[in-house]
Amino acid sequence: MPMSSSRVRKRKRSESVSDSSAGAEIRALVLAAAQALAVPGAPSDAALNSLLTLKRESRVRPGAFSSDVALKLFFQFVRRHEAQGPNEVATIASADALAKALAGAMQRQLDTRDGDARFRHVLRVLVPEPETTPGHESLRPDRILFYTREFAQVDASRSLAQQLGLDVLFEDDAILAVDKPADVLSVDGLDAAEVSIQRRVQQLCPEARMVHRLDFATSGVLLVALTRTAAQSLSAQFRARSVQKTYFAKVAGRVAGDAGTIELAMGPHPTEKLVQIVQEASPPGEEEYPRGGARWSTTHWRVVYRSPAADAASEADAANDGGDQQAVFEWTLMELKPVTGKTHQLRVHMQYLGHPILGDTLYSRAVVGDKAPRLCLHAAKLEIAHPVTNAPLVIESRCPF
């Protein structure tokens, strides 16, 4: 009888995991733990291949796998050899207890590896902790969890900065952060002749994925995931809005007040492609999704610096030029922290505030289009949890204006 296509896909997925570098390391860990615990009649490496199956647990975290190997070892080896005499696992009365013992032995092996390259893809081994860890609720207590990682395959003969022709702000085996220049595409567009940062990176690392993007005219920190699991982790952080983003913008006029928050419903312009507009809607919380394709957007802002007042500057210029006064253009340097990440959010918010960003030829060409040689918007800082270590990571880029 032919096997169903879903079962075939499931088997192929399990085989691809087992045959990976992480799968080979997990087999070695399980075998060493079984031998260390003196599991009676412990299986050989060849026999373990048929016992060890790994199931991807994306709900737990990217790169997490579960296995029922403790359950199989308990019934096929421990219970069968109980009468053969005392051993370390003779007092283990259940598959749950054996899972804890095996996981503990494997984690001790990892804790003492000291750079042992045999287990570089396995980060942690544990049993489900449903009371304290989200995603563990549906896992049986006799399962063992393996947290794994991937390593980017990049040509190491030259630095990435040299190969990309960009300033690299941070790089390791999982992620890359570059200092994106203004007027460069983050991802491929309609014009194949324009080389995006996405294309440059993927030519060196085909597995790389863009987890966020900056507008063509915006400069600053641009983050790229170099592995699949890193991309899953970072994408989840962006969806949960746990990533902290800080921008600097030079805007027209002297902004009143020192700090504030802008909260608007934004949506696409009915006729102008790429343009976003402010839309009327109920207050946030009363209507989660406003009508007309609009979405709520929130930005916290703070004044960093104000240019000299026009009157004072004009008087100073007049004194220096013998009384010939000229109009002085006032501006304010703003720190912007977007909570949401809507298209052109910061441009629209500053325009709504009455202080468009200098050089913005899309939304305020007549007012500020000729006030700067570029859009004065810069992604200065990105704060994330590292997708492998979960340690806080702050990546910064110096503001060029």
Protein backbone atom coordinates (compact mmCIF):
# COMPACT_ATOMS: atom_id res chain seq x y z
CA MET A 1 0.00 0.00 0.00
CA PRO A 2 1.58 3.33 -0.99
CA MET A 3 2.53 5.65 1.81
CA SER A 4 0.57 8.94 1.98
CA SER A 5 2.32 12.06 0.76
CA SER A 6 2.10 13.69 4.22
CA ARG A 7 3.89 10.72 5.81
CA VAL A 8 6.53 10.79 3.08
CA ARG A 9 7.14 14.49 3.70
CA LYS A 10 7.35 13.90 7.44
CA ARG A 11 9.84 11.05 7.01
CA LYS A 12 11.98 13.12 4.63
CA ARG A 13 11.98 16.02 7.09
CA SER A 14 13.08 13.74 9.93
CA GLU A 15 15.78 12.17 7.79
CA SER A 16 17.14 15.55 6.75
CA VAL A 17 17.38 16.58 10.40
CA SER A 18 19.00 13.31 11.48
CA ASP A 19 21.51 13.47 8.66
CA SER A 20 22.53 17.05 9.46
CA SER A 21 25.54 18.07 11.52
CA ALA A 22 23.27 18.74 14.48
CA GLY A 23 21.64 15.33 14.10
CA ALA A 24 25.01 13.56 14.10
CA GLU A 25 26.06 15.46 17.23
CA ILE A 26 22.80 14.59 19.00
CA ARG A 27 23.29 10.87 18.23
CA ALA A 28 26.79 11.04 19.69
CA LEU A 29 25.50 12.83 22.80
CA VAL A 30 22.72 10.30 23.38
CA LEU A 31 25.11 7.37 22.94
CA ALA A 32 27.66 8.88 25.34
CA ALA A 33 24.95 9.63 27.91
CA ALA A 34 23.53 6.10 27.72
CA GLN A 35 27.01 4.66 28.23
CA ALA A 36 27.80 7.08 31.07
CA LEU A 37 24.59 6.08 32.87
CA ALA A 38 25.38 2.39 32.24
CA VAL A 39 22.00 1.79 30.61
CA PRO A 40 21.84 -2.02 30.51
CA GLY A 41 22.23 -3.34 27.01
CA ALA A 42 22.73 0.19 25.73
CA PRO A 43 22.37 0.34 21.96
CA SER A 44 25.27 0.65 19.58
CA ASP A 45 25.66 3.67 17.34
CA ALA A 46 24.08 1.74 14.47
CA ALA A 47 21.11 0.61 16.58
CA LEU A 48 20.60 4.13 17.86
CA ASN A 49 19.92 5.34 14.32
CA SER A 50 16.62 3.47 14.33
CA LEU A 51 15.71 4.63 17.84
CA LEU A 52 16.51 8.33 17.57
CA THR A 53 13.94 10.44 15.73
CA LEU A 54 13.92 14.22 15.94
CA LYS A 55 10.84 16.38 15.60
CA ARG A 56 11.18 20.06 14.84
CA GLU A 57 9.62 22.22 17.59
CA SER A 58 9.38 25.69 16.07
CA ARG A 59 6.81 26.72 18.69
CA VAL A 60 9.45 26.31 21.38
CA ARG A 61 12.21 28.22 19.56
CA PRO A 62 13.97 28.17 16.19
CA GLY A 63 16.36 25.24 15.99
CA ALA A 64 14.60 23.23 18.72
CA PHE A 65 13.95 19.50 18.32
CA SER A 66 12.26 16.94 20.56
CA SER A 67 12.90 13.21 20.76
CA ASP A 68 11.18 10.21 22.35
CA VAL A 69 14.46 8.30 22.59
CA ALA A 70 14.18 8.05 26.40
CA LEU A 71 10.81 6.32 26.06
CA LYS A 72 12.23 3.80 23.58
CA LEU A 73 15.37 3.16 25.63
CA PHE A 74 13.31 2.63 28.77
CA PHE A 75 11.04 -0.04 27.34
CA GLN A 76 13.55 -1.72 25.01
CA PHE A 77 16.59 -1.78 27.31
CA VAL A 78 15.97 -0.72 30.94
CA ARG A 79 12.85 -2.79 31.55
CA ARG A 80 14.27 -5.81 29.70
CA HIS A 81 17.45 -5.86 31.77
CA GLU A 82 16.07 -5.08 35.25
CA ALA A 83 16.85 -8.60 36.41
CA GLN A 84 20.50 -8.53 35.35
CA GLY A 85 21.76 -6.84 38.48
CA PRO A 86 22.20 -3.36 39.96
CA ASN A 87 23.22 -0.47 37.77
CA GLU A 88 22.88 3.31 37.83
CA VAL A 89 19.52 3.29 36.09
CA ALA A 90 18.08 0.28 37.92
CA THR A 91 16.20 2.60 40.26
CA ILE A 92 14.69 4.62 37.41
CA ALA A 93 11.06 3.62 37.38
CA SER A 94 9.73 5.57 34.41
CA ALA A 95 10.59 6.96 30.99
CA ASP A 96 10.13 10.47 32.45
CA ALA A 97 12.90 9.84 34.98
CA LEU A 98 15.17 8.35 32.32
CA ALA A 99 14.62 11.41 30.13
CA LYS A 100 15.75 13.66 32.99
CA ALA A 101 18.81 11.50 33.66
CA LEU A 102 19.82 11.40 30.00
CA ALA A 103 19.26 15.13 29.51
CA GLY A 104 21.32 15.88 32.61
CA ALA A 105 24.17 13.68 31.42
CA MET A 106 24.16 15.26 27.97
CA GLN A 107 24.07 18.80 29.34
CA ARG A 108 27.02 18.01 31.61
CA GLN A 109 28.90 16.85 28.53
CA LEU A 110 28.13 20.17 26.83
CA ASP A 111 29.08 22.19 29.91
CA THR A 112 32.56 20.62 29.93
CA ARG A 113 33.22 20.63 26.19
CA ASP A 114 35.70 23.56 26.36
CA GLY A 115 35.75 24.21 22.64
CA ASP A 116 35.16 20.57 21.71
CA ALA A 117 34.14 20.91 18.05
CA ARG A 118 32.21 17.62 18.16
CA PHE A 119 29.23 19.38 19.72
CA ARG A 120 29.36 22.87 18.29
CA HIS A 121 25.82 22.71 16.82
CA VAL A 122 24.07 21.71 20.07
CA LEU A 123 23.47 24.56 22.49
CA ARG A 124 21.45 22.95 25.26
CA VAL A 125 19.70 19.72 26.27
CA LEU A 126 16.74 19.69 28.65
CA VAL A 127 13.38 18.14 29.43
CA PRO A 128 10.14 20.10 28.96
CA GLU A 129 9.47 22.80 31.55
CA PRO A 130 5.77 23.58 30.96
CA GLU A 131 5.41 25.62 34.16
CA THR A 132 8.09 28.15 33.22
CA THR A 133 8.76 28.00 29.48
CA PRO A 134 6.26 29.02 26.76
CA GLY A 135 5.83 26.39 24.07
CA HIS A 136 6.58 23.46 26.38
CA GLU A 137 2.95 22.93 27.43
CA SER A 138 2.16 20.40 24.69
CA LEU A 139 5.30 18.29 25.18
CA ARG A 140 5.24 15.00 27.06
CA PRO A 141 7.48 14.75 30.15
CA ASP A 142 9.31 11.74 28.67
CA ARG A 143 10.59 13.85 25.76
CA ILE A 144 14.08 15.34 25.51
CA LEU A 145 14.56 18.76 23.95
CA PHE A 146 17.64 19.73 21.95
CA TYR A 147 18.37 23.39 21.19
CA THR A 148 20.60 23.64 18.13
CA ARG A 149 22.18 26.30 15.97
CA GLU A 150 23.46 26.68 12.43
CA PHE A 151 26.63 28.27 11.12
CA ALA A 152 26.71 30.51 8.06
CA GLN A 153 28.74 29.25 5.14
CA VAL A 154 30.71 32.30 4.02
CA ASP A 155 33.98 32.62 2.13
CA ALA A 156 36.47 33.51 4.86
CA SER A 157 39.38 34.31 2.53
CA ARG A 158 38.50 38.00 2.72
CA SER A 159 36.51 40.03 5.21
CA LEU A 160 32.83 40.56 4.50
CA ALA A 161 33.40 44.31 4.47
CA GLN A 162 35.87 43.88 1.59
CA GLN A 163 33.61 41.50 -0.31
CA LEU A 164 30.46 43.57 0.14
CA GLY A 165 31.98 46.99 -0.31
CA LEU A 166 30.08 48.16 2.78
CA ASP A 167 30.92 49.09 6.34
CA VAL A 168 30.17 46.08 8.55
CA LEU A 169 28.92 47.02 12.01
CA PHE A 170 28.64 43.48 13.39
CA GLU A 171 29.19 39.98 12.07
CA ASP A 172 29.35 36.43 13.38
CA ASP A 173 28.23 32.98 12.26
CA ALA A 174 24.53 33.86 12.55
CA ILE A 175 23.92 37.52 11.72
CA LEU A 176 25.37 40.44 9.83
CA ALA A 177 24.71 44.15 10.34
CA VAL A 178 25.86 46.64 7.71
CA ASP A 179 25.87 50.43 7.56
CA LYS A 180 23.50 51.00 4.65
CA PRO A 181 24.24 54.15 2.63
CA ALA A 182 21.40 56.45 1.60
CA ASP A 183 19.91 55.83 -1.86
CA VAL A 184 20.75 52.12 -1.91
CA LEU A 185 18.12 49.38 -2.06
CA SER A 186 17.77 47.07 0.94
CA VAL A 187 16.10 44.34 -1.15
CA ASP A 188 15.74 43.75 -4.86
CA GLY A 189 13.28 46.01 -6.65
CA LEU A 190 11.74 46.12 -10.09
CA ASP A 191 14.93 47.35 -11.75
CA ALA A 192 17.30 44.39 -12.01
CA ALA A 193 20.16 46.75 -12.78
CA GLU A 194 20.06 48.22 -9.27
CA VAL A 195 22.14 46.00 -6.99
CA SER A 196 20.56 45.72 -3.55
CA ILE A 197 22.26 44.82 -0.29
CA GLN A 198 20.19 41.64 -0.30
CA ARG A 199 21.75 40.58 -3.60
CA ARG A 200 25.27 41.46 -2.48
CA VAL A 201 24.96 39.39 0.71
CA GLN A 202 23.25 36.41 -0.93
CA GLN A 203 25.99 36.20 -3.55
CA LEU A 204 28.36 35.43 -0.65
CA CYS A 205 25.91 33.55 1.59
CA PRO A 206 22.94 32.07 -0.32
CA GLU A 207 21.14 31.15 2.92
CA ALA A 208 21.04 34.79 4.07
CA ARG A 209 17.62 36.30 4.68
CA MET A 210 16.59 39.94 5.08
CA VAL A 211 14.74 40.22 8.38
CA HIS A 212 14.04 43.94 8.12
CA ARG A 213 14.61 46.70 5.63
CA LEU A 214 15.26 50.42 5.36
CA ASP A 215 13.73 52.72 2.77
CA PHE A 216 15.85 53.45 -0.29
CA ALA A 217 16.61 56.99 0.95
CA THR A 218 17.29 56.04 4.58
CA SER A 219 20.77 55.19 5.85
CA GLY A 220 21.98 53.27 8.89
CA VAL A 221 21.87 49.88 10.61
CA LEU A 222 20.52 47.10 8.39
CA LEU A 223 20.31 43.60 9.86
CA VAL A 224 20.68 40.37 7.87
CA ALA A 225 20.21 36.82 9.15
CA LEU A 226 22.83 34.46 7.76
CA THR A 227 21.02 31.22 8.69
CA ARG A 228 17.46 29.97 8.63
CA THR A 229 17.13 29.63 12.40
CA ALA A 230 18.60 33.10 12.98
CA ALA A 231 16.02 34.50 10.55
CA GLN A 232 13.19 32.76 12.41
CA SER A 233 14.36 34.12 15.76
CA LEU A 234 14.82 37.69 14.54
CA SER A 235 11.54 37.71 12.60
CA ALA A 236 9.75 36.59 15.77
CA GLN A 237 11.38 39.47 17.68
CA PHE A 238 10.25 42.01 15.09
CA ARG A 239 6.71 40.58 15.14
CA ALA A 240 6.62 40.78 18.94
CA ARG A 241 7.97 44.36 18.76
CA SER A 242 10.73 43.52 21.22
CA VAL A 243 13.37 45.01 18.90
CA GLN A 244 14.25 48.56 19.93
CA LYS A 245 14.91 50.90 16.98
CA THR A 246 16.37 54.40 17.24
CA TYR A 247 16.54 56.88 14.36
CA PHE A 248 17.82 60.42 13.99
CA ALA A 249 15.99 62.87 11.75
CA LYS A 250 16.67 66.49 10.90
CA VAL A 251 13.30 68.21 10.49
CA ALA A 252 12.13 71.63 9.37
CA GLY A 253 11.45 74.32 11.97
CA ARG A 254 11.87 74.51 15.73
CA VAL A 255 9.84 71.73 17.35
CA ALA A 256 7.86 72.87 20.37
CA GLY A 257 8.24 70.73 23.46
CA ASP A 258 11.04 68.36 24.30
CA ALA A 259 9.42 64.94 23.87
CA GLY A 260 6.17 63.26 22.95
CA THR A 261 4.39 60.37 21.25
CA ILE A 262 2.61 60.28 17.90
CA GLU A 263 -0.11 57.68 17.38
CA LEU A 264 -1.88 57.64 14.03
CA ALA A 265 -3.86 55.35 11.76
CA MET A 266 -1.98 55.13 8.46
CA GLY A 267 -2.94 53.58 5.16
CA PRO A 268 -2.09 53.63 1.46
CA HIS A 269 -3.01 56.60 -0.71
CA PRO A 270 -5.97 55.68 -2.95
CA THR A 271 -4.22 56.71 -6.17
CA GLU A 272 -0.52 57.46 -5.54
CA LYS A 273 1.66 54.38 -5.43
CA LEU A 274 3.97 53.99 -2.39
CA VAL A 275 2.50 57.05 -0.64
CA GLN A 276 0.97 56.63 2.81
CA ILE A 277 -1.62 58.94 4.35
CA VAL A 278 -3.17 59.57 7.77
CA GLN A 279 -6.66 58.13 8.07
CA GLU A 280 -9.47 58.87 10.49
CA ALA A 281 -10.26 56.02 12.87
CA SER A 282 -11.50 55.23 16.34
CA PRO A 283 -9.01 55.62 19.21
CA PRO A 284 -6.44 52.80 19.54
CA GLY A 285 -7.86 49.86 21.43
CA GLU A 286 -11.43 50.49 20.31
CA GLU A 287 -10.71 49.44 16.75
CA GLU A 288 -7.72 47.17 16.26
CA TYR A 289 -7.85 47.37 12.47
CA PRO A 290 -9.18 50.69 11.14
CA ARG A 291 -11.14 50.65 7.90
CA GLY A 292 -9.65 51.28 4.48
CA GLY A 293 -6.48 49.25 4.93
CA ALA A 294 -5.15 51.56 7.66
CA ARG A 295 -3.03 50.33 10.57
CA TRP A 296 -2.14 51.98 13.84
CA SER A 297 1.38 53.38 14.08
CA THR A 298 3.23 54.74 17.09
CA THR A 299 6.45 56.75 17.40
CA HIS A 300 8.12 58.21 20.49
CA TRP A 301 10.16 61.35 19.79
CA ARG A 302 12.67 63.51 21.64
CA VAL A 303 14.40 66.76 20.68
CA VAL A 304 18.18 66.38 20.55
CA TYR A 305 19.17 69.83 19.25
CA ARG A 306 17.54 72.96 17.84
CA SER A 307 19.27 75.29 15.40
CA PRO A 308 19.67 78.90 16.56
CA ALA A 309 16.47 80.91 16.42
CA ALA A 310 15.96 82.74 13.15
CA ASP A 311 15.95 86.20 14.78
CA ALA A 312 19.20 85.63 16.65
CA ALA A 313 20.87 84.03 13.67
CA SER A 314 19.75 86.82 11.34
CA GLU A 315 21.08 89.50 13.70
CA ALA A 316 24.42 87.71 13.93
CA ASP A 317 24.61 87.37 10.16
CA ALA A 318 23.69 91.03 9.70
CA ALA A 319 26.44 92.12 12.08
CA ASN A 320 28.97 90.00 10.21
CA ASP A 321 27.78 91.15 6.75
CA GLY A 322 27.45 94.86 7.49
CA GLY A 323 23.67 94.92 8.00
CA ASP A 324 22.51 92.84 5.00
CA GLN A 325 20.08 90.34 6.58
CA GLN A 326 19.20 87.03 4.92
CA ALA A 327 16.49 84.53 5.79
CA VAL A 328 17.73 81.73 8.07
CA PHE A 329 16.20 78.27 7.82
CA GLU A 330 15.49 76.73 11.23
CA TRP A 331 15.70 73.01 11.89
CA THR A 332 15.58 70.49 14.75
CA LEU A 333 17.49 67.25 15.24
CA MET A 334 15.07 64.61 16.54
CA GLU A 335 15.53 61.17 18.10
CA LEU A 336 12.73 58.89 16.92
CA LYS A 337 11.80 55.51 18.40
CA PRO A 338 9.16 53.75 16.30
CA VAL A 339 7.11 51.15 18.15
CA THR A 340 5.49 49.91 14.95
CA GLY A 341 7.16 49.55 11.56
CA LYS A 342 4.75 50.83 8.95
CA THR A 343 5.90 51.96 5.50
CA HIS A 344 7.20 55.55 5.61
CA GLN A 345 5.98 55.81 9.21
CA LEU A 346 8.58 58.33 10.38
CA ARG A 347 8.18 60.55 7.33
CA VAL A 348 4.40 60.65 7.71
CA HIS A 349 4.59 61.22 11.47
CA MET A 350 7.01 64.12 11.16
CA GLN A 351 4.92 65.67 8.40
CA TYR A 352 1.81 65.30 10.60
CA LEU A 353 3.69 66.98 13.45
CA GLY A 354 4.22 69.93 11.12
CA HIS A 355 7.97 69.37 10.79
CA PRO A 356 8.78 67.33 7.65
CA ILE A 357 12.17 65.65 7.36
CA LEU A 358 14.71 67.65 5.37
CA GLY A 359 15.26 66.29 1.87
CA ASP A 360 11.90 64.47 1.76
CA THR A 361 10.93 64.86 -1.87
CA LEU A 362 8.08 62.35 -1.66
CA TYR A 363 5.92 63.95 1.02
CA SER A 364 7.08 67.58 1.28
CA ARG A 365 9.04 68.45 -1.86
CA ALA A 366 7.94 72.11 -1.90
CA VAL A 367 8.87 72.71 1.76
CA VAL A 368 12.03 70.67 2.36
CA GLY A 369 12.94 69.00 -0.95
CA ASP A 370 15.86 71.37 -1.55
CA LYS A 371 16.94 71.79 2.08
CA ALA A 372 19.34 68.82 2.09
CA PRO A 373 21.17 66.74 -0.54
CA ARG A 374 19.53 63.57 0.84
CA LEU A 375 16.69 62.48 3.12
CA CYS A 376 17.93 63.33 6.62
CA LEU A 377 16.75 60.10 8.25
CA HIS A 378 19.25 57.67 9.74
CA ALA A 379 18.79 54.33 11.55
CA ALA A 380 21.27 54.91 14.37
CA LYS A 381 20.71 51.98 16.71
CA LEU A 382 19.15 48.52 16.80
CA GLU A 383 18.74 46.54 20.03
CA ILE A 384 17.97 42.83 19.74
CA ALA A 385 18.40 39.55 21.55
CA HIS A 386 21.10 37.57 19.77
CA PRO A 387 19.33 34.73 17.92
CA VAL A 388 21.78 32.10 19.19
CA THR A 389 22.85 33.19 22.67
CA ASN A 390 19.76 35.30 23.52
CA ALA A 391 22.16 37.86 25.00
CA PRO A 392 21.26 41.56 24.52
CA LEU A 393 23.02 43.04 21.50
CA VAL A 394 23.21 46.74 20.61
CA ILE A 395 24.35 47.71 17.10
CA GLU A 396 25.02 51.39 16.38
CA SER A 397 25.84 53.58 13.40
CA ARG A 398 27.13 57.14 13.58
CA CYS A 399 24.68 59.74 12.30
CA PRO A 400 26.12 61.38 9.16
CA PHE A 401 24.28 64.71 9.43
